[in-house]
């Protein structure tokens, strides 16, 4: 799994947990829907931390809560 895949998976998990679809999540976060859909699709290779922070703010969670999942813990180190 790549970092991009882990971010997309986490967004989908949070949508399910909080009862949103990607479009309503974007509305909640004050973002363009295309931003969320580009993260979930193949258009966005590496979402910015500021974008993830907006998602966290909309869901009223911390960045730590966003990234505290087994998917992120199991990512391979990129710099060796």
Protein backbone atom coordinates (compact mmCIF):
# COMPACT_ATOMS: atom_id res chain seq x y z
CA UNK A 1 0.00 0.00 0.00
CA UNK A 2 1.26 3.47 -0.84
CA UNK A 3 0.87 6.61 1.23
CA UNK A 4 -1.62 7.95 -1.31
CA UNK A 5 -3.68 4.76 -1.06
CA UNK A 6 -3.62 4.91 2.74
CA UNK A 7 -4.87 8.52 2.67
CA UNK A 8 -7.67 7.67 0.24
CA UNK A 9 -8.67 4.63 2.30
CA UNK A 10 -8.70 6.69 5.48
CA UNK A 11 -10.94 9.33 3.91
CA UNK A 12 -13.38 6.63 2.85
CA UNK A 13 -13.29 5.10 6.36
CA UNK A 14 -14.05 8.49 7.90
CA UNK A 15 -16.86 9.12 5.42
CA UNK A 16 -18.46 5.83 6.46
CA UNK A 17 -17.87 6.50 10.16
CA UNK A 18 -19.37 9.99 10.07
CA UNK A 19 -22.14 9.26 7.55
CA UNK A 20 -20.78 11.26 4.62
CA UNK A 21 -20.08 10.59 1.00
CA UNK A 22 -17.09 12.29 -0.65
CA UNK A 23 -19.25 15.13 -1.95
CA UNK A 24 -20.86 15.92 1.39
CA UNK A 25 -17.45 15.67 3.08
CA UNK A 26 -16.10 18.29 0.68
CA UNK A 27 -19.08 20.55 1.43
CA UNK A 28 -18.57 20.09 5.18
CA UNK A 29 -14.89 20.99 4.88
CA UNK A 30 -15.45 23.99 2.59
CA UNK A 31 -13.51 22.35 -0.22
CA UNK A 32 -14.19 21.80 -3.88
CA UNK A 33 -15.63 18.37 -4.48
CA UNK A 34 -13.02 17.87 -7.18
CA UNK A 35 -10.31 18.04 -4.51
CA UNK A 36 -11.72 15.10 -2.58
CA UNK A 37 -12.42 13.12 -5.73
CA UNK A 38 -8.90 13.73 -7.03
CA UNK A 39 -7.46 12.35 -3.76
CA UNK A 40 -9.70 9.29 -4.00
CA UNK A 41 -8.91 8.78 -7.69
CA UNK A 42 -5.61 8.73 -9.50
CA UNK A 43 -5.32 12.46 -10.24
CA UNK A 44 -3.72 13.51 -6.94
CA UNK A 45 -0.43 11.73 -6.31
CA UNK A 46 0.35 13.27 -2.92
CA UNK A 47 -2.30 15.33 -1.11
CA UNK A 48 -0.96 18.29 0.83
CA UNK A 49 -1.02 18.26 4.62
CA UNK A 50 -3.06 21.49 4.50
CA UNK A 51 -5.76 19.64 2.55
CA UNK A 52 -5.80 16.78 5.05
CA UNK A 53 -5.95 19.35 7.87
CA UNK A 54 -9.08 20.88 6.30
CA UNK A 55 -10.68 17.44 6.22
CA UNK A 56 -9.77 16.93 9.87
CA UNK A 57 -11.17 20.34 10.80
CA UNK A 58 -14.44 19.58 9.02
CA UNK A 59 -14.78 16.28 10.86
CA UNK A 60 -13.56 17.82 14.13
CA UNK A 61 -10.70 15.36 14.51
CA UNK A 62 -6.98 15.93 14.91
CA UNK A 63 -4.28 15.11 12.41
CA UNK A 64 -3.09 12.52 14.90
CA UNK A 65 -6.50 10.83 14.80
CA UNK A 66 -6.42 10.87 11.01
CA UNK A 67 -3.03 9.18 10.83
CA UNK A 68 -3.40 6.82 13.81
CA UNK A 69 -4.39 3.70 11.92
CA UNK A 70 -2.70 0.38 11.10
CA UNK A 71 -2.52 1.38 7.42
CA UNK A 72 -0.18 4.28 8.19
CA UNK A 73 1.78 2.34 10.80
CA UNK A 74 2.57 -0.39 8.29
CA UNK A 75 3.81 1.85 5.48
CA UNK A 76 7.37 1.15 4.47
CA UNK A 77 9.99 3.78 5.15
CA UNK A 78 10.56 5.83 2.00
CA UNK A 79 14.07 7.03 2.88
CA UNK A 80 16.52 4.26 3.55
